Amino acid sequence: MPRTRIVSRQAKREKADQEEKVRLTQIKIDAVLEQVDELEKRAKNQVYTQIKLIHARTDNHLLEMKMSESLNLKLKYFTDYKWKGK
C-alpha cells in the first residue's frame, strides 16, 4: 500500500515549485518588456528630434511647395535647393 501522505506532499511541493518558476518567469518577461518599451520611447524621441531639426533647417518656400513642384526641381539633396530653387 503506497504512502498517500508522502506522495500528496511531494505532488503539492512540485506544483508549488512549478508555480514559483512560472511567477519568476513572468516577472522576468515583464522586466524585458519594460526595457523594450523604454528603447522604443528613446528611438521615437530621436526620430522626432531629427525630423524637427530637418524641418527647422529647411527653407520655408521648399516646405510650402507642392510635391510636383519639388520633383520638377530634380534635387538630390535638400541643400541643393539653395542653388536651384531661388
C-alpha atoms as a PDB file:
ATOM      1  CA  MET A   1       0.000   0.000   0.000  1.00  0.00           C
ATOM      2  CA  PRO A   2       1.516   3.382  -1.058  1.00  0.00           C
ATOM      3  CA  ARG A   3       2.011   6.163   1.393  1.00  0.00           C
ATOM      4  CA  THR A   4      -0.520   8.713   0.239  1.00  0.00           C
ATOM      5  CA  ARG A   5       0.641  11.443   2.593  1.00  0.00           C
ATOM      6  CA  ILE A   6       4.169  11.439   1.234  1.00  0.00           C
ATOM      7  CA  VAL A   7       3.004  11.261  -2.373  1.00  0.00           C
ATOM      8  CA  SER A   8       0.498  14.078  -1.932  1.00  0.00           C
ATOM      9  CA  ARG A   9       3.074  16.267  -0.111  1.00  0.00           C
ATOM     10  CA  GLN A  10       5.573  15.681  -2.870  1.00  0.00           C
ATOM     11  CA  ALA A  11       2.957  16.469  -5.514  1.00  0.00           C
ATOM     12  CA  LYS A  12       1.992  19.677  -3.701  1.00  0.00           C
ATOM     13  CA  ARG A  13       5.645  20.667  -3.392  1.00  0.00           C
ATOM     14  CA  GLU A  14       6.261  20.044  -7.101  1.00  0.00           C
ATOM     15  CA  LYS A  15       3.175  22.043  -8.017  1.00  0.00           C
ATOM     16  CA  ALA A  16       4.300  24.907  -5.766  1.00  0.00           C
ATOM     17  CA  ASP A  17       7.777  24.804  -7.360  1.00  0.00           C
ATOM     18  CA  GLN A  18       6.256  24.967 -10.851  1.00  0.00           C
ATOM     19  CA  GLU A  19       4.024  27.876  -9.880  1.00  0.00           C
ATOM     20  CA  GLU A  20       7.031  29.706  -8.436  1.00  0.00           C
ATOM     21  CA  LYS A  21       9.002  29.151 -11.648  1.00  0.00           C
ATOM     22  CA  VAL A  22       6.080  30.471 -13.698  1.00  0.00           C
ATOM     23  CA  ARG A  23       5.798  33.524 -11.445  1.00  0.00           C
ATOM     24  CA  LEU A  24       9.539  34.255 -11.718  1.00  0.00           C
ATOM     25  CA  THR A  25       9.408  33.839 -15.487  1.00  0.00           C
ATOM     26  CA  GLN A  26       6.505  36.279 -15.703  1.00  0.00           C
ATOM     27  CA  ILE A  27       8.458  38.815 -13.649  1.00  0.00           C
ATOM     28  CA  LYS A  28      11.462  38.453 -15.964  1.00  0.00           C
ATOM     29  CA  ILE A  29       9.280  38.822 -19.061  1.00  0.00           C
ATOM     30  CA  ASP A  30       7.661  41.958 -17.636  1.00  0.00           C
ATOM     31  CA  ALA A  31      11.099  43.448 -16.947  1.00  0.00           C
ATOM     32  CA  VAL A  32      12.246  42.752 -20.511  1.00  0.00           C
ATOM     33  CA  LEU A  33       9.056  44.242 -21.933  1.00  0.00           C
ATOM     34  CA  GLU A  34       9.596  47.397 -19.899  1.00  0.00           C
ATOM     35  CA  GLN A  35      13.129  47.667 -21.295  1.00  0.00           C
ATOM     36  CA  VAL A  36      11.812  47.242 -24.835  1.00  0.00           C
ATOM     37  CA  ASP A  37       9.197  49.940 -24.215  1.00  0.00           C
ATOM     38  CA  GLU A  38      11.895  52.295 -22.941  1.00  0.00           C
ATOM     39  CA  LEU A  39      14.046  51.636 -26.028  1.00  0.00           C
ATOM     40  CA  GLU A  40      11.039  52.314 -28.227  1.00  0.00           C
ATOM     41  CA  LYS A  41      10.383  55.645 -26.493  1.00  0.00           C
ATOM     42  CA  ARG A  42      14.017  56.692 -26.881  1.00  0.00           C
ATOM     43  CA  ALA A  43      14.052  55.749 -30.569  1.00  0.00           C
ATOM     44  CA  LYS A  44      10.823  57.653 -31.216  1.00  0.00           C
ATOM     45  CA  ASN A  45      12.220  60.704 -29.442  1.00  0.00           C
ATOM     46  CA  GLN A  46      15.399  60.563 -31.529  1.00  0.00           C
ATOM     47  CA  VAL A  47      13.416  60.349 -34.759  1.00  0.00           C
ATOM     48  CA  TYR A  48      11.132  63.185 -33.655  1.00  0.00           C
ATOM     49  CA  THR A  49      14.137  65.353 -32.777  1.00  0.00           C
ATOM     50  CA  GLN A  50      15.787  64.658 -36.127  1.00  0.00           C
ATOM     51  CA  ILE A  51      12.574  65.493 -38.002  1.00  0.00           C
ATOM     52  CA  LYS A  52      12.250  68.759 -36.077  1.00  0.00           C
ATOM     53  CA  LEU A  53      15.867  69.599 -36.897  1.00  0.00           C
ATOM     54  CA  ILE A  54      15.387  68.894 -40.619  1.00  0.00           C
ATOM     55  CA  HIS A  55      12.170  70.886 -40.599  1.00  0.00           C
ATOM     56  CA  ALA A  56      13.867  73.831 -38.900  1.00  0.00           C
ATOM     57  CA  ARG A  57      16.781  73.816 -41.356  1.00  0.00           C
ATOM     58  CA  THR A  58      14.628  73.522 -44.471  1.00  0.00           C
ATOM     59  CA  ASP A  59      13.667  76.700 -46.278  1.00  0.00           C
ATOM     60  CA  ASN A  60      10.011  77.694 -45.811  1.00  0.00           C
ATOM     61  CA  HIS A  61       9.459  78.055 -49.546  1.00  0.00           C
ATOM     62  CA  LEU A  62      10.579  74.471 -50.060  1.00  0.00           C
ATOM     63  CA  LEU A  63       8.292  73.292 -47.254  1.00  0.00           C
ATOM     64  CA  GLU A  64       5.297  75.031 -48.827  1.00  0.00           C
ATOM     65  CA  MET A  65       5.927  73.628 -52.317  1.00  0.00           C
ATOM     66  CA  LYS A  66       3.639  71.083 -53.856  1.00  0.00           C
ATOM     67  CA  MET A  67       5.111  67.660 -54.471  1.00  0.00           C
ATOM     68  CA  SER A  68       5.059  68.094 -58.259  1.00  0.00           C
ATOM     69  CA  GLU A  69       6.963  71.396 -57.991  1.00  0.00           C
ATOM     70  CA  SER A  70       9.656  69.887 -55.787  1.00  0.00           C
ATOM     71  CA  LEU A  71      10.016  66.861 -58.077  1.00  0.00           C
ATOM     72  CA  ASN A  72      10.448  69.135 -61.095  1.00  0.00           C
ATOM     73  CA  LEU A  73      13.474  70.689 -59.404  1.00  0.00           C
ATOM     74  CA  LYS A  74      15.152  67.247 -59.522  1.00  0.00           C
ATOM     75  CA  LEU A  75      17.068  67.793 -56.306  1.00  0.00           C
ATOM     76  CA  LYS A  76      19.239  65.038 -54.950  1.00  0.00           C
ATOM     77  CA  TYR A  77      19.518  66.697 -51.527  1.00  0.00           C
ATOM     78  CA  PHE A  78      17.503  69.416 -49.812  1.00  0.00           C
ATOM     79  CA  THR A  79      20.645  71.529 -49.604  1.00  0.00           C
ATOM     80  CA  ASP A  80      20.741  71.654 -53.424  1.00  0.00           C
ATOM     81  CA  TYR A  81      17.649  73.865 -53.243  1.00  0.00           C
ATOM     82  CA  LYS A  82      19.822  76.820 -52.273  1.00  0.00           C
ATOM     83  CA  TRP A  83      21.417  76.720 -55.713  1.00  0.00           C
ATOM     84  CA  LYS A  84      18.474  75.722 -57.942  1.00  0.00           C
ATOM     85  CA  GLY A  85      15.403  76.975 -56.127  1.00  0.00           C
ATOM     86  CA  LYS A  86      15.998  80.685 -55.845  1.00  0.00           C
END
